[in-house]
């Protein structure tokens, strides 16, 4: 099971220190989000290695998903969707509401942001086989995906 996510360097670059606040003072409010992403990445990797961990990891991911819906973080949402998609055969879970929530509530807030557009298109490209087999993402959200391509045509390099 190959896992594509934020590397340690990418996570750490999101949490820079501000010299004016003192030595080592963290100034980025997204540090808790980076820590959450790292913890969920580790849990996802463990679930990929040992099938017995999947049920526990699923319970944690489901709680995080229900609590994070109001926040609408693209990297967090994509990590959760990726977990649900890759493990949907082991756990019984309806993927459609999770994808509907992402494409209808979260994604419209980020159409004009290149990084998030690239992340979404990369996610769709990486998981296209699973998305075609287990979901109706491509036919249902074709206009949303087309809008991302229209705003950022170079993202098709994903």
Protein backbone atom coordinates (compact mmCIF):
# COMPACT_ATOMS: atom_id res chain seq x y z
CA UNK A 1 0.00 0.00 0.00
CA UNK A 2 1.76 3.14 -1.17
CA UNK A 3 0.91 6.20 0.87
CA UNK A 4 1.27 9.68 -0.61
CA UNK A 5 1.03 12.50 1.91
CA UNK A 6 2.94 15.35 3.41
CA UNK A 7 6.56 14.48 4.03
CA UNK A 8 8.26 15.42 7.27
CA UNK A 9 9.99 18.34 5.54
CA UNK A 10 6.76 19.68 4.07
CA UNK A 11 5.02 19.40 7.45
CA UNK A 12 7.86 21.13 9.22
CA UNK A 13 8.04 23.93 6.65
CA UNK A 14 4.47 24.80 7.58
CA UNK A 15 5.55 25.44 11.17
CA UNK A 16 8.27 28.08 11.00
CA UNK A 17 9.60 30.01 13.98
CA UNK A 18 9.53 33.77 14.41
CA UNK A 19 12.82 35.20 15.71
CA UNK A 20 11.10 38.37 17.01
CA UNK A 21 8.98 36.33 19.45
CA UNK A 22 11.98 34.70 21.04
CA UNK A 23 14.09 31.66 20.38
CA UNK A 24 11.96 28.82 19.07
CA UNK A 25 8.60 30.54 19.53
CA UNK A 26 6.13 29.08 17.10
CA UNK A 27 4.21 31.69 15.15
CA UNK A 28 2.19 29.59 12.74
CA UNK A 29 -1.35 28.89 13.90
CA UNK A 30 -1.49 25.85 11.63
CA UNK A 31 0.94 23.87 13.81
CA UNK A 32 -1.90 21.91 15.48
CA UNK A 33 -3.19 21.05 12.00
CA UNK A 34 0.26 19.84 10.94
CA UNK A 35 0.50 17.71 14.08
CA UNK A 36 -2.95 16.26 13.40
CA UNK A 37 -1.99 15.47 9.80
CA UNK A 38 1.21 13.77 10.96
CA UNK A 39 -0.62 11.69 13.57
CA UNK A 40 -3.27 10.64 11.05
CA UNK A 41 -0.56 9.79 8.49
CA UNK A 42 1.09 7.50 11.04
CA UNK A 43 -2.25 5.88 11.89
CA UNK A 44 -2.95 5.42 8.18
CA UNK A 45 0.45 3.82 7.62
CA UNK A 46 -0.16 1.43 10.53
CA UNK A 47 -3.54 0.48 9.07
CA UNK A 48 -1.85 -0.22 5.74
CA UNK A 49 0.65 -2.53 7.39
CA UNK A 50 -1.65 -4.39 9.79
CA UNK A 51 -5.28 -5.05 8.85
CA UNK A 52 -6.19 -5.48 12.53
CA UNK A 53 -5.55 -1.75 13.06
CA UNK A 54 -7.97 -0.65 10.34
CA UNK A 55 -11.12 -0.73 12.51
CA UNK A 56 -9.54 1.38 15.27
CA UNK A 57 -8.01 3.76 12.73
CA UNK A 58 -11.37 4.03 10.99
CA UNK A 59 -13.07 5.05 14.25
CA UNK A 60 -10.48 7.77 14.81
CA UNK A 61 -10.66 8.97 11.20
CA UNK A 62 -14.46 9.06 11.32
CA UNK A 63 -14.40 11.21 14.49
CA UNK A 64 -11.87 13.60 12.97
CA UNK A 65 -13.95 13.78 9.78
CA UNK A 66 -17.13 14.67 11.66
CA UNK A 67 -15.33 17.34 13.70
CA UNK A 68 -13.38 18.83 10.81
CA UNK A 69 -16.27 19.32 8.39
CA UNK A 70 -16.79 22.90 9.58
CA UNK A 71 -13.08 23.72 9.17
CA UNK A 72 -12.81 22.58 5.58
CA UNK A 73 -9.05 21.93 5.42
CA UNK A 74 -8.18 20.49 2.00
CA UNK A 75 -5.10 18.46 3.08
CA UNK A 76 -6.97 17.00 6.06
CA UNK A 77 -10.06 16.22 3.99
CA UNK A 78 -8.00 14.54 1.27
CA UNK A 79 -6.10 12.46 3.82
CA UNK A 80 -9.38 11.27 5.35
CA UNK A 81 -10.96 10.59 1.96
CA UNK A 82 -7.87 8.67 0.88
CA UNK A 83 -8.05 6.50 4.01
CA UNK A 84 -11.76 5.82 3.54
CA UNK A 85 -11.26 5.03 -0.13
CA UNK A 86 -8.32 2.66 0.33
CA UNK A 87 -9.93 0.75 3.20
CA UNK A 88 -13.58 0.73 2.11
CA UNK A 89 -13.42 -2.99 1.31
CA UNK A 90 -12.32 -3.87 4.85
CA UNK A 91 -14.76 -1.59 6.64
CA UNK A 92 -18.35 -1.08 5.63
CA UNK A 93 -18.61 2.63 4.95
CA UNK A 94 -20.64 4.65 2.46
CA UNK A 95 -18.14 6.88 0.69
CA UNK A 96 -20.64 9.09 -1.13
CA UNK A 97 -21.60 11.37 1.82
CA UNK A 98 -17.92 12.03 2.60
CA UNK A 99 -17.15 12.92 -1.02
CA UNK A 100 -20.35 14.97 -1.31
CA UNK A 101 -19.35 16.95 1.77
CA UNK A 102 -15.91 17.63 0.35
CA UNK A 103 -16.93 18.53 -3.21
CA UNK A 104 -20.02 20.55 -2.30
CA UNK A 105 -19.07 22.23 0.99
CA UNK A 106 -15.28 22.38 1.26
CA UNK A 107 -13.93 22.61 -2.28
CA UNK A 108 -15.97 25.63 -3.49
CA UNK A 109 -14.10 27.78 -0.95
CA UNK A 110 -10.77 26.94 -2.60
CA UNK A 111 -11.36 27.22 -6.36
CA UNK A 112 -9.03 30.20 -6.67
CA UNK A 113 -6.13 28.72 -4.69
CA UNK A 114 -3.51 26.98 -6.77
CA UNK A 115 -2.06 24.73 -4.04
CA UNK A 116 -5.43 23.30 -3.07
CA UNK A 117 -6.41 22.83 -6.72
CA UNK A 118 -3.18 20.94 -7.34
CA UNK A 119 -3.77 18.77 -4.23
CA UNK A 120 -7.30 17.86 -5.33
CA UNK A 121 -6.30 17.08 -8.91
CA UNK A 122 -3.30 15.05 -7.70
CA UNK A 123 -5.61 13.12 -5.36
CA UNK A 124 -8.01 12.35 -8.23
CA UNK A 125 -5.14 11.31 -10.47
CA UNK A 126 -3.49 9.07 -7.83
CA UNK A 127 -6.74 7.36 -6.85
CA UNK A 128 -8.56 7.36 -10.18
CA UNK A 129 -8.98 3.57 -10.34
CA UNK A 130 -10.46 3.35 -6.84
CA UNK A 131 -12.62 6.41 -7.46
CA UNK A 132 -14.04 4.84 -10.62
CA UNK A 133 -14.76 1.51 -8.93
CA UNK A 134 -16.07 2.62 -5.53
CA UNK A 135 -17.58 6.09 -6.07
CA UNK A 136 -19.42 8.31 -8.52
CA UNK A 137 -17.01 11.22 -8.04
CA UNK A 138 -16.08 11.76 -11.67
CA UNK A 139 -19.59 11.78 -13.16
CA UNK A 140 -21.14 13.58 -10.19
CA UNK A 141 -18.54 16.30 -9.73
CA UNK A 142 -17.29 16.73 -13.26
CA UNK A 143 -18.23 20.47 -13.32
CA UNK A 144 -16.25 21.08 -10.11
CA UNK A 145 -13.20 19.25 -11.44
CA UNK A 146 -13.50 21.05 -14.78
CA UNK A 147 -13.57 24.36 -12.93
CA UNK A 148 -10.29 23.44 -11.20
CA UNK A 149 -8.72 22.64 -14.58
CA UNK A 150 -10.06 25.90 -16.00
CA UNK A 151 -8.63 28.00 -13.17
CA UNK A 152 -5.30 26.15 -13.11
CA UNK A 153 -4.59 24.43 -16.44
CA UNK A 154 -1.02 23.58 -15.46
CA UNK A 155 -2.34 21.43 -12.61
CA UNK A 156 -3.00 18.65 -15.10
CA UNK A 157 0.70 17.86 -14.72
CA UNK A 158 -0.33 16.30 -11.39
